[in-house]
Amino acid sequence: SPHFQLADKGITFTKGADLMFNPGACMCQIVVDCLVPSDAFYRFTMNGLDPALQRYFYSVQTLLLVPNVNISLMTPSFKYIFEVGNSDIFGGLALLNVQFNNMVIVVYNHALVLHIVALVVICVMGALFLLFI
């Protein structure tokens, strides 16, 4: 689309790529909520936010397809949504949000500098115009 030619890369493929695809560490905001290696869901959380979210969406879809009488708090899909969604996914999305906000602030700071330079150039040109009339 011609509208998005300048937006060639998003945060998930620049600064957020490490977080999305290979953090190698717990993404929880509270360290005690980190899963231990013996946990069944550990591999989804250690490989990045993307696999964790993919499994999260799969768990939600699975719960939607299961008849209501078969759903319990011990269902693996519900357990994943509760355990990983409230800790690693929440923390990972918060970290991704911080990175995105930092990127936006940098862009706005560049725009601010550009506007200040343009204002100074226009003021100098206006002063020179008034001097040489």
N, C-alpha and C. Protein backbone atom coordinates (compact mmCIF):
# COMPACT_ATOMS: atom_id res chain seq x y z
N SER A 1 0.83 -1.18 0.00
CA SER A 1 0.00 0.00 0.00
C SER A 1 0.88 1.25 0.00
N PRO A 2 0.56 2.23 -0.79
CA PRO A 2 1.41 3.43 -0.85
C PRO A 2 1.42 4.22 0.45
N HIS A 3 0.42 4.03 1.30
CA HIS A 3 0.36 4.79 2.54
C HIS A 3 1.42 4.35 3.54
N PHE A 4 1.87 3.10 3.45
CA PHE A 4 2.78 2.57 4.44
C PHE A 4 4.17 2.27 3.89
N GLN A 5 4.60 2.97 2.85
CA GLN A 5 5.90 2.73 2.26
C GLN A 5 7.04 3.12 3.19
N LEU A 6 6.84 4.12 4.01
CA LEU A 6 7.90 4.55 4.93
C LEU A 6 7.95 3.70 6.19
N ALA A 7 6.89 2.99 6.48
CA ALA A 7 6.85 2.13 7.66
C ALA A 7 7.23 0.71 7.25
N ASP A 8 8.54 0.53 6.98
CA ASP A 8 8.96 -0.76 6.46
C ASP A 8 9.17 -1.82 7.54
N LYS A 9 9.49 -1.41 8.77
CA LYS A 9 9.71 -2.38 9.84
C LYS A 9 9.00 -1.91 11.10
N GLY A 10 8.38 -2.85 11.77
CA GLY A 10 7.72 -2.55 13.03
C GLY A 10 8.62 -2.88 14.21
N ILE A 11 8.14 -2.61 15.40
CA ILE A 11 8.91 -2.84 16.61
C ILE A 11 9.21 -4.31 16.81
N THR A 12 8.33 -5.19 16.35
CA THR A 12 8.56 -6.62 16.58
C THR A 12 9.69 -7.18 15.74
N PHE A 13 10.07 -6.49 14.67
CA PHE A 13 11.17 -6.99 13.84
C PHE A 13 12.42 -6.13 13.96
N THR A 14 12.42 -5.17 14.83
CA THR A 14 13.63 -4.38 15.05
C THR A 14 14.10 -4.60 16.49
N LYS A 15 13.71 -3.72 17.39
CA LYS A 15 14.15 -3.84 18.78
C LYS A 15 13.41 -4.92 19.55
N GLY A 16 12.20 -5.26 19.12
CA GLY A 16 11.41 -6.24 19.84
C GLY A 16 11.63 -7.67 19.38
N ALA A 17 12.50 -7.87 18.37
CA ALA A 17 12.70 -9.22 17.82
C ALA A 17 13.27 -10.17 18.86
N ASP A 18 14.21 -9.70 19.67
CA ASP A 18 14.78 -10.57 20.70
C ASP A 18 13.72 -11.01 21.69
N LEU A 19 12.87 -10.10 22.08
CA LEU A 19 11.81 -10.43 23.02
C LEU A 19 10.77 -11.35 22.39
N MET A 20 10.46 -11.13 21.13
CA MET A 20 9.43 -11.93 20.47
C MET A 20 9.89 -13.35 20.17
N PHE A 21 11.15 -13.51 19.79
CA PHE A 21 11.56 -14.80 19.26
C PHE A 21 12.64 -15.52 20.06
N ASN A 22 13.36 -14.83 20.96
CA ASN A 22 14.42 -15.52 21.67
C ASN A 22 14.86 -14.78 22.93
N PRO A 23 14.02 -14.65 23.94
CA PRO A 23 14.48 -13.95 25.13
C PRO A 23 15.45 -14.78 25.97
N GLY A 24 15.25 -16.09 26.03
CA GLY A 24 16.12 -16.95 26.82
C GLY A 24 15.99 -16.77 28.31
N ALA A 25 15.04 -15.97 28.74
CA ALA A 25 14.84 -15.72 30.16
C ALA A 25 13.35 -15.53 30.43
N CYS A 26 13.03 -15.55 31.68
CA CYS A 26 11.64 -15.35 32.10
C CYS A 26 11.19 -13.93 31.77
N MET A 27 9.98 -13.79 31.31
CA MET A 27 9.45 -12.48 30.96
C MET A 27 8.52 -11.91 32.03
N CYS A 28 8.36 -12.63 33.13
CA CYS A 28 7.45 -12.19 34.20
C CYS A 28 7.95 -10.90 34.83
N GLN A 29 7.01 -10.07 35.24
CA GLN A 29 7.38 -8.86 35.96
C GLN A 29 7.73 -9.19 37.42
N ILE A 30 7.15 -10.23 37.94
CA ILE A 30 7.45 -10.69 39.30
C ILE A 30 8.24 -11.99 39.15
N VAL A 31 9.49 -11.99 39.60
CA VAL A 31 10.40 -13.10 39.35
C VAL A 31 9.90 -14.41 39.96
N VAL A 32 9.21 -14.36 41.07
CA VAL A 32 8.75 -15.61 41.70
C VAL A 32 7.67 -16.31 40.86
N ASP A 33 7.07 -15.61 39.91
CA ASP A 33 6.07 -16.22 39.03
C ASP A 33 6.68 -17.00 37.87
N CYS A 34 8.01 -16.95 37.71
CA CYS A 34 8.66 -17.64 36.60
C CYS A 34 8.48 -19.15 36.73
N LEU A 35 8.27 -19.78 35.59
CA LEU A 35 8.10 -21.23 35.58
C LEU A 35 9.46 -21.92 35.72
N VAL A 36 9.45 -23.07 36.35
CA VAL A 36 10.68 -23.87 36.52
C VAL A 36 10.82 -24.79 35.31
N PRO A 37 12.04 -25.25 35.02
CA PRO A 37 12.24 -26.10 33.83
C PRO A 37 11.41 -27.38 33.82
N SER A 38 10.99 -27.86 34.97
CA SER A 38 10.19 -29.09 35.00
C SER A 38 8.72 -28.84 34.67
N ASP A 39 8.30 -27.59 34.58
CA ASP A 39 6.92 -27.27 34.28
C ASP A 39 6.60 -27.61 32.82
N ALA A 40 5.39 -28.05 32.56
CA ALA A 40 4.98 -28.46 31.21
C ALA A 40 4.97 -27.29 30.23
N PHE A 41 4.76 -26.08 30.71
CA PHE A 41 4.66 -24.92 29.83
C PHE A 41 5.96 -24.13 29.73
N TYR A 42 7.01 -24.61 30.35
CA TYR A 42 8.29 -23.89 30.41
C TYR A 42 8.84 -23.59 29.02
N ARG A 43 8.76 -24.57 28.11
CA ARG A 43 9.35 -24.39 26.78
C ARG A 43 8.67 -23.29 25.97
N PHE A 44 7.39 -23.06 26.24
CA PHE A 44 6.68 -21.99 25.52
C PHE A 44 7.11 -20.61 26.00
N THR A 45 7.53 -20.51 27.25
CA THR A 45 7.89 -19.20 27.80
C THR A 45 9.34 -18.85 27.57
N MET A 46 10.21 -19.84 27.40
CA MET A 46 11.63 -19.57 27.22
C MET A 46 12.03 -19.30 25.78
N ASN A 47 11.15 -19.57 24.84
CA ASN A 47 11.46 -19.37 23.43
C ASN A 47 10.95 -18.05 22.88
N GLY A 48 10.46 -17.20 23.73
CA GLY A 48 10.03 -15.89 23.27
C GLY A 48 8.53 -15.67 23.44
N LEU A 49 8.15 -14.43 23.21
CA LEU A 49 6.76 -14.04 23.35
C LEU A 49 5.90 -14.61 22.22
N ASP A 50 6.47 -14.75 21.03
CA ASP A 50 5.70 -15.27 19.90
C ASP A 50 5.21 -16.70 20.14
N PRO A 51 6.07 -17.66 20.52
CA PRO A 51 5.55 -19.00 20.80
C PRO A 51 4.56 -19.03 21.96
N ALA A 52 4.80 -18.18 22.95
CA ALA A 52 3.88 -18.13 24.09
C ALA A 52 2.51 -17.63 23.65
N LEU A 53 2.48 -16.62 22.80
CA LEU A 53 1.20 -16.10 22.30
C LEU A 53 0.52 -17.08 21.36
N GLN A 54 1.31 -17.76 20.52
CA GLN A 54 0.73 -18.75 19.62
C GLN A 54 0.04 -19.85 20.42
N ARG A 55 0.70 -20.32 21.47
CA ARG A 55 0.11 -21.36 22.32
C ARG A 55 -1.10 -20.81 23.07
N TYR A 56 -1.05 -19.54 23.46
CA TYR A 56 -2.17 -18.90 24.15
C TYR A 56 -3.40 -18.87 23.24
N PHE A 57 -3.21 -18.45 21.99
CA PHE A 57 -4.33 -18.40 21.04
C PHE A 57 -4.87 -19.80 20.76
N TYR A 58 -3.96 -20.78 20.67
CA TYR A 58 -4.38 -22.15 20.47
C TYR A 58 -5.21 -22.63 21.66
N SER A 59 -4.80 -22.29 22.86
CA SER A 59 -5.54 -22.69 24.07
C SER A 59 -6.93 -22.06 24.10
N VAL A 60 -7.02 -20.81 23.72
CA VAL A 60 -8.33 -20.14 23.67
C VAL A 60 -9.22 -20.81 22.63
N GLN A 61 -8.66 -21.09 21.46
CA GLN A 61 -9.43 -21.74 20.41
C GLN A 61 -9.89 -23.13 20.85
N THR A 62 -9.01 -23.85 21.54
CA THR A 62 -9.37 -25.18 22.03
C THR A 62 -10.51 -25.10 23.03
N LEU A 63 -10.46 -24.13 23.93
CA LEU A 63 -11.54 -23.99 24.91
C LEU A 63 -12.87 -23.64 24.25
N LEU A 64 -12.80 -22.90 23.17
CA LEU A 64 -14.04 -22.53 22.47
C LEU A 64 -14.68 -23.73 21.79
N LEU A 65 -13.88 -24.71 21.43
CA LEU A 65 -14.40 -25.88 20.72
C LEU A 65 -14.82 -27.02 21.65
N VAL A 66 -14.37 -26.98 22.89
CA VAL A 66 -14.68 -28.06 23.84
C VAL A 66 -16.10 -27.84 24.39
N PRO A 67 -16.88 -28.89 24.51
CA PRO A 67 -18.21 -28.73 25.11
C PRO A 67 -18.10 -28.24 26.56
N ASN A 68 -19.06 -27.45 26.99
CA ASN A 68 -19.01 -26.83 28.32
C ASN A 68 -18.89 -27.84 29.45
N VAL A 69 -19.43 -29.01 29.29
CA VAL A 69 -19.39 -29.99 30.39
C VAL A 69 -17.99 -30.54 30.60
N ASN A 70 -17.11 -30.43 29.60
CA ASN A 70 -15.76 -30.97 29.71
C ASN A 70 -14.72 -29.95 30.18
N ILE A 71 -15.11 -28.71 30.41
CA ILE A 71 -14.16 -27.68 30.82
C ILE A 71 -14.07 -27.65 32.34
N SER A 72 -12.82 -27.63 32.81
CA SER A 72 -12.59 -27.48 34.25
C SER A 72 -11.35 -26.63 34.44
N LEU A 73 -11.06 -26.29 35.66
CA LEU A 73 -9.88 -25.49 35.95
C LEU A 73 -8.60 -26.26 35.70
N MET A 74 -8.68 -27.57 35.62
CA MET A 74 -7.50 -28.40 35.40
C MET A 74 -7.30 -28.75 33.92
N THR A 75 -8.14 -28.26 33.04
CA THR A 75 -7.95 -28.47 31.61
C THR A 75 -6.62 -27.82 31.20
N PRO A 76 -5.78 -28.53 30.45
CA PRO A 76 -4.48 -27.96 30.08
C PRO A 76 -4.58 -26.59 29.40
N SER A 77 -5.56 -26.40 28.57
CA SER A 77 -5.71 -25.10 27.90
C SER A 77 -6.04 -24.00 28.89
N PHE A 78 -6.96 -24.27 29.79
CA PHE A 78 -7.32 -23.27 30.79
C PHE A 78 -6.14 -23.00 31.73
N LYS A 79 -5.44 -24.06 32.08
CA LYS A 79 -4.28 -23.94 32.97
C LYS A 79 -3.20 -23.06 32.31
N TYR A 80 -2.98 -23.27 31.02
CA TYR A 80 -1.98 -22.46 30.29
C TYR A 80 -2.39 -20.99 30.26
N ILE A 81 -3.66 -20.75 29.94
CA ILE A 81 -4.14 -19.37 29.88
C ILE A 81 -3.96 -18.69 31.23
N PHE A 82 -4.27 -19.39 32.29
CA PHE A 82 -4.18 -18.79 33.62
C PHE A 82 -2.73 -18.63 34.07
N GLU A 83 -1.92 -19.68 33.93
CA GLU A 83 -0.55 -19.64 34.44
C GLU A 83 0.38 -18.77 33.60
N VAL A 84 0.38 -19.00 32.30
CA VAL A 84 1.32 -18.28 31.44
C VAL A 84 0.76 -16.92 31.02
N GLY A 85 -0.54 -16.85 30.79
CA GLY A 85 -1.13 -15.58 30.38
C GLY A 85 -1.03 -14.50 31.43
N ASN A 86 -1.16 -14.87 32.69
CA ASN A 86 -1.10 -13.88 33.78
C ASN A 86 0.31 -13.54 34.20
N SER A 87 1.29 -14.27 33.72
CA SER A 87 2.66 -14.00 34.16
C SER A 87 3.57 -13.66 32.98
N ASP A 88 3.98 -14.66 32.23
CA ASP A 88 4.95 -14.43 31.16
C ASP A 88 4.39 -13.60 30.01
N ILE A 89 3.19 -13.89 29.56
CA ILE A 89 2.64 -13.13 28.43
C ILE A 89 2.36 -11.69 28.85
N PHE A 90 1.80 -11.51 30.02
CA PHE A 90 1.54 -10.15 30.52
C PHE A 90 2.84 -9.37 30.64
N GLY A 91 3.86 -9.99 31.23
CA GLY A 91 5.16 -9.32 31.38
C GLY A 91 5.83 -9.06 30.05
N GLY A 92 5.75 -10.03 29.13
CA GLY A 92 6.35 -9.85 27.81
C GLY A 92 5.68 -8.73 27.02
N LEU A 93 4.36 -8.66 27.09
CA LEU A 93 3.65 -7.58 26.40
C LEU A 93 3.96 -6.22 27.03
N ALA A 94 4.15 -6.21 28.35
CA ALA A 94 4.53 -4.95 29.02
C ALA A 94 5.92 -4.51 28.56
N LEU A 95 6.86 -5.45 28.45
CA LEU A 95 8.20 -5.12 27.96
C LEU A 95 8.16 -4.64 26.52
N LEU A 96 7.35 -5.30 25.70
CA LEU A 96 7.22 -4.89 24.30
C LEU A 96 6.61 -3.49 24.21
N ASN A 97 5.67 -3.20 25.08
CA ASN A 97 5.05 -1.87 25.11
C ASN A 97 6.06 -0.80 25.49
N VAL A 98 6.93 -1.10 26.44
CA VAL A 98 7.98 -0.15 26.84
C VAL A 98 8.91 0.13 25.66
N GLN A 99 9.31 -0.94 24.95
CA GLN A 99 10.17 -0.75 23.78
C GLN A 99 9.47 0.07 22.70
N PHE A 100 8.20 -0.18 22.48
CA PHE A 100 7.45 0.58 21.48
C PHE A 100 7.35 2.05 21.88
N ASN A 101 7.04 2.30 23.15
CA ASN A 101 6.95 3.69 23.62
C ASN A 101 8.28 4.41 23.48
N ASN A 102 9.38 3.73 23.77
CA ASN A 102 10.70 4.34 23.61
C ASN A 102 10.97 4.67 22.15
N MET A 103 10.57 3.78 21.24
CA MET A 103 10.77 4.03 19.82
C MET A 103 9.94 5.24 19.36
N VAL A 104 8.71 5.34 19.84
CA VAL A 104 7.85 6.47 19.47
C VAL A 104 8.42 7.78 20.01
N ILE A 105 8.93 7.76 21.23
CA ILE A 105 9.52 8.96 21.81
C ILE A 105 10.72 9.43 21.01
N VAL A 106 11.55 8.49 20.54
CA VAL A 106 12.70 8.85 19.71
C VAL A 106 12.23 9.50 18.41
N VAL A 107 11.20 8.94 17.79
CA VAL A 107 10.68 9.51 16.54
C VAL A 107 10.14 10.93 16.78
N TYR A 108 9.41 11.12 17.87
CA TYR A 108 8.88 12.45 18.17
C TYR A 108 10.00 13.44 18.51
N ASN A 109 11.04 12.98 19.16
CA ASN A 109 12.18 13.87 19.45
C ASN A 109 12.88 14.30 18.16
N HIS A 110 13.01 13.37 17.20
CA HIS A 110 13.59 13.74 15.90
C HIS A 110 12.70 14.75 15.19
N ALA A 111 11.39 14.55 15.25
CA ALA A 111 10.47 15.50 14.62
C ALA A 111 10.55 16.86 15.29
N LEU A 112 10.69 16.88 16.62
CA LEU A 112 10.82 18.15 17.35
C LEU A 112 12.08 18.90 16.93
N VAL A 113 13.20 18.19 16.82
CA VAL A 113 14.45 18.82 16.38
C VAL A 113 14.29 19.36 14.96
N LEU A 114 13.65 18.60 14.09
CA LEU A 114 13.44 19.05 12.72
C LEU A 114 12.59 20.32 12.68
N HIS A 115 11.56 20.39 13.50
CA HIS A 115 10.71 21.59 13.53
C HIS A 115 11.48 22.79 14.09
N ILE A 116 12.31 22.58 15.08
CA ILE A 116 13.10 23.69 15.64
C ILE A 116 14.09 24.21 14.60
N VAL A 117 14.75 23.30 13.89
CA VAL A 117 15.69 23.72 12.84
C VAL A 117 14.95 24.47 11.75
N ALA A 118 13.79 24.00 11.35
CA ALA A 118 13.00 24.69 10.32
C ALA A 118 12.58 26.07 10.79
N LEU A 119 12.19 26.19 12.06
CA LEU A 119 11.80 27.50 12.60
C LEU A 119 12.97 28.47 12.59
N VAL A 120 14.14 28.01 12.98
CA VAL A 120 15.33 28.87 12.99
C VAL A 120 15.68 29.31 11.57
N VAL A 121 15.63 28.39 10.62
CA VAL A 121 15.95 28.73 9.23
C VAL A 121 14.94 29.75 8.70
N ILE A 122 13.67 29.57 8.98
CA ILE A 122 12.65 30.52 8.52
C ILE A 122 12.84 31.88 9.17
N CYS A 123 13.17 31.91 10.45
CA CYS A 123 13.41 33.20 11.13
C CYS A 123 14.62 33.91 10.54
N VAL A 124 15.68 33.17 10.27
CA VAL A 124 16.87 33.78 9.66
C VAL A 124 16.54 34.29 8.26
N MET A 125 15.81 33.51 7.50
CA MET A 125 15.45 33.96 6.14
C MET A 125 14.55 35.20 6.22
N GLY A 126 13.62 35.23 7.18
CA GLY A 126 12.76 36.41 7.34
C GLY A 126 13.56 37.63 7.74
N ALA A 127 14.52 37.46 8.64
CA ALA A 127 15.37 38.58 9.06
C ALA A 127 16.21 39.08 7.89
N LEU A 128 16.77 38.16 7.10
CA LEU A 128 17.55 38.56 5.94
C LEU A 128 16.68 39.27 4.91
N PHE A 129 15.46 38.83 4.75
CA PHE A 129 14.53 39.47 3.82
C PHE A 129 14.26 40.91 4.26
N LEU A 130 14.02 41.10 5.57
CA LEU A 130 13.74 42.45 6.08
C LEU A 130 14.98 43.36 5.99
N LEU A 131 16.14 42.78 6.13
CA LEU A 131 17.38 43.57 6.05
C LEU A 131 17.66 44.04 4.64
N PHE A 132 17.32 43.26 3.65
CA PHE A 132 17.69 43.58 2.28
C PHE A 132 16.53 44.06 1.44
N ILE A 133 15.46 44.57 2.04
CA ILE A 133 14.34 45.10 1.26
C ILE A 133 14.73 46.43 0.69
